[in-house]
Protein backbone atom coordinates (compact mmCIF):
# COMPACT_ATOMS: atom_id res chain seq x y z
CA MET A 1 0.00 0.00 0.00
CA LEU A 2 2.73 2.47 0.93
CA GLU A 3 4.38 1.85 -2.44
CA THR A 4 1.34 3.28 -4.23
CA LEU A 5 1.46 6.47 -2.17
CA ILE A 6 5.22 6.94 -2.27
CA THR A 7 6.73 5.89 -5.58
CA SER A 8 10.39 6.26 -4.56
CA LYS A 9 11.64 2.97 -3.08
CA THR A 10 14.63 4.81 -1.66
CA ARG A 11 12.36 7.31 0.13
CA ILE A 12 10.36 4.45 1.66
CA LYS A 13 13.59 2.84 2.87
CA LEU A 14 14.71 6.12 4.42
CA LEU A 15 11.36 6.70 6.12
CA LEU A 16 11.45 3.17 7.56
CA LYS A 17 15.05 3.64 8.67
CA PHE A 18 14.51 6.90 10.50
CA PHE A 19 10.83 7.00 11.46
CA LEU A 20 10.18 3.45 12.65
CA ASN A 21 12.96 3.57 15.25
CA ILE A 22 13.92 7.09 16.28
CA GLN A 23 17.23 5.82 17.68
CA ASN A 24 18.41 5.12 14.14
CA ARG A 25 20.93 7.49 12.62
CA GLY A 26 22.88 7.16 9.43
CA TYR A 27 25.27 8.78 7.00
CA LEU A 28 25.38 8.46 3.23
CA LYS A 29 28.01 5.72 2.77
CA LYS A 30 26.52 3.55 5.52
CA LEU A 31 23.04 3.92 3.99
CA GLU A 32 24.44 3.07 0.55
CA VAL A 33 25.76 -0.24 1.89
CA GLU A 34 22.64 -0.96 3.98
CA PHE A 35 20.22 -0.30 1.13
CA ALA A 36 22.44 -1.64 -1.68
CA ASP A 37 21.43 1.46 -3.61
CA SER A 38 23.28 4.25 -5.43
CA SER A 39 24.68 7.03 -3.28
CA ASN A 40 23.32 9.66 -5.68
CA GLY A 41 19.72 8.45 -5.32
CA ILE A 42 20.06 8.26 -1.54
CA ARG A 43 21.66 11.72 -1.38
CA LEU A 44 18.81 13.27 -3.41
CA GLU A 45 16.16 11.73 -1.15
CA LEU A 46 18.03 12.70 2.03
CA ASN A 47 18.23 16.29 0.80
CA LYS A 48 14.51 16.37 -0.06
CA LEU A 49 13.53 14.98 3.33
CA GLU A 50 15.85 17.41 5.11
CA GLU A 51 14.51 20.38 3.09
CA ALA A 52 10.97 19.30 4.04
CA GLY A 53 11.99 19.34 7.69
CA LEU A 54 11.38 15.61 8.16
CA LEU A 55 15.07 14.85 8.78
CA ARG A 56 17.70 16.83 10.60
CA SER A 57 21.42 16.49 10.15
CA SER A 58 24.60 17.07 12.09
CA LEU A 59 28.26 16.99 11.14
CA GLU A 60 30.55 14.65 13.07
CA GLY A 61 34.05 14.76 11.68
CA ASN A 62 33.70 14.46 7.93
CA LYS A 63 30.36 12.62 8.08
CA LYS A 64 26.93 14.16 7.85
CA TYR A 65 24.56 12.13 10.04
CA PHE A 66 20.81 12.13 9.49
CA GLU A 67 17.99 11.33 11.90
CA ALA A 68 14.24 11.85 12.14
CA ASN A 69 13.12 15.31 13.14
CA THR A 70 10.80 14.33 15.99
CA SER A 71 9.73 17.94 16.48
CA ASN A 72 8.19 18.07 12.99
CA PRO A 73 4.38 18.38 13.31
CA ILE A 74 3.77 15.29 11.15
CA TYR A 75 6.44 13.07 12.72
CA GLN A 76 3.89 11.14 14.81
CA GLU A 77 1.60 10.56 11.81
CA ILE A 78 4.47 9.20 9.70
CA HIS A 79 5.59 6.97 12.58
CA SER A 80 2.05 5.67 12.99
CA LEU A 81 1.66 5.05 9.25
CA LEU A 82 4.90 3.03 9.20
CA ARG A 83 3.81 0.96 12.21
CA LYS A 84 0.63 0.10 10.30
CA HIS A 85 2.57 -0.58 7.08
CA THR A 86 4.93 -3.02 8.84
CA GLY A 87 2.15 -4.72 10.80
CA LEU A 88 3.44 -3.69 14.22
CA ASP A 89 0.09 -2.15 15.21
CA GLN A 90 -1.71 -5.41 14.42
CA LEU A 91 0.92 -7.40 16.31
CA VAL A 92 0.37 -5.31 19.43
CA GLU A 93 -3.42 -5.39 19.08
CA LYS A 94 -3.87 -9.06 18.11
CA VAL A 95 -1.11 -10.70 20.15
CA LEU A 96 0.63 -8.58 22.76
CA ASN A 97 -2.51 -7.11 24.30
CA GLN A 98 -4.05 -10.60 24.52
CA ILE A 99 -1.40 -12.69 26.30
CA GLY A 100 -1.98 -11.67 29.87
CA GLU A 101 1.18 -11.82 31.97
CA LEU A 102 3.35 -9.99 29.44
CA GLN A 103 5.55 -7.41 31.14
CA THR A 104 7.56 -6.09 28.20
CA ALA A 105 7.93 -6.71 24.48
CA TYR A 106 10.64 -5.46 22.12
CA LEU A 107 10.90 -5.50 18.36
CA THR A 108 14.34 -6.70 17.27
CA GLY A 109 15.95 -7.73 13.99
CA SER A 110 15.71 -6.05 10.59
CA LEU A 111 12.60 -3.97 11.29
CA ALA A 112 14.17 -2.52 14.44
CA CYS A 113 17.09 -1.48 12.25
CA GLY A 114 14.63 0.26 9.93
CA LEU A 115 14.97 -2.23 7.08
CA GLN A 116 12.02 -3.72 5.20
CA SER A 117 11.42 -7.32 6.15
CA ASP A 118 8.81 -10.03 5.74
CA GLN A 119 9.71 -11.26 9.21
CA ILE A 120 8.90 -9.70 12.57
CA GLU A 121 11.24 -10.62 15.40
CA ILE A 122 10.12 -9.96 18.96
CA LEU A 123 11.48 -10.46 22.44
CA LEU A 124 8.84 -11.15 25.11
CA ILE A 125 9.34 -10.87 28.86
CA GLY A 126 6.83 -12.32 31.28
CA ASP A 127 5.16 -15.48 32.55
CA LEU A 128 3.38 -16.57 29.36
CA ASN A 129 1.21 -19.49 28.35
CA GLN A 130 3.30 -20.86 25.46
CA ALA A 131 0.46 -22.82 23.83
CA TYR A 132 -1.88 -19.80 23.79
CA LEU A 133 0.95 -17.58 22.53
CA ASP A 134 1.66 -20.00 19.65
CA GLU A 135 -2.05 -19.96 18.75
CA LEU A 136 -2.16 -16.15 18.67
CA ILE A 137 1.06 -15.96 16.64
CA VAL A 138 -0.30 -18.32 13.98
CA LYS A 139 -3.47 -16.23 13.66
CA ALA A 140 -1.50 -12.98 13.50
CA GLU A 141 0.87 -14.38 10.83
CA LYS A 142 -2.08 -15.24 8.60
CA LEU A 143 -3.70 -11.85 9.14
CA MET A 144 -0.48 -9.89 8.55
CA ALA A 145 1.07 -12.17 5.91
CA LYS A 146 4.38 -11.98 7.77
CA LYS A 147 6.44 -14.53 9.65
CA ILE A 148 6.71 -13.80 13.37
CA THR A 149 9.57 -15.23 15.39
CA TYR A 150 9.87 -14.69 19.10
CA GLN A 151 11.88 -15.46 22.20
CA VAL A 152 10.30 -15.63 25.65
CA PHE A 153 12.16 -14.88 28.88
CA SER A 154 11.02 -14.67 32.47
CA ALA A 155 11.73 -11.35 34.19
CA PHE A 156 14.62 -12.99 36.05
CA GLU A 157 16.16 -14.49 32.88
CA PHE A 158 15.79 -11.17 31.10
CA GLN A 159 17.59 -9.25 33.85
CA ILE A 160 20.54 -11.64 33.57
CA LYS A 161 20.71 -11.37 29.74
CA LYS A 162 19.34 -7.84 29.28
CA GLU A 163 22.58 -6.19 28.24
CA GLN A 164 23.29 -8.87 25.64
CA LEU A 165 19.72 -9.05 24.33
CA LEU A 166 19.31 -5.30 23.93
CA ALA A 167 22.79 -4.64 22.49
CA GLN A 168 21.30 -4.59 18.98
CA PRO A 169 18.71 -2.06 17.78
CA HIS A 170 15.32 -2.60 19.41
CA ILE A 171 11.98 -0.86 19.79
CA LEU A 172 9.79 -1.07 22.87
CA LEU A 173 6.39 -2.35 21.72
CA PHE A 174 4.70 -3.05 25.02
CA GLY A 175 5.34 -2.34 28.68
């Protein structure tokens, strides 16, 4: 659906990168490698998004870093649209809000890095009924047409492994 509204694939990649996870930052050469796209096309889109006030930039050494401009009046709407586009809103509504003793849930993997993916990877913390969780995941996968992989940890296990588990990009989904 988003592809019909925004015809530039590079612009969609940049919006996902910066607006899905506001912790994401990037500079041209890193984005070129990440997206496997031409630096000229990425540069043009970065400049357009910066001119529109959707991205802000800062110089660090000889690199110009870009990040989402969270003070832009339409930041929240773009973020919400991308959560719907990726299926994260449905995941929260259909699974995470239904499983009872869930304390915290994080999105990890490619989507947390701001990259398009047909797979949603989540980290769940709480005392969960595994059979019921599996049932909800299967239903959500069919509804969203995406594969959902997950890891479940008790609060105690999570505290022991927290630093390691959250070392990679992640987005708090619940809790």
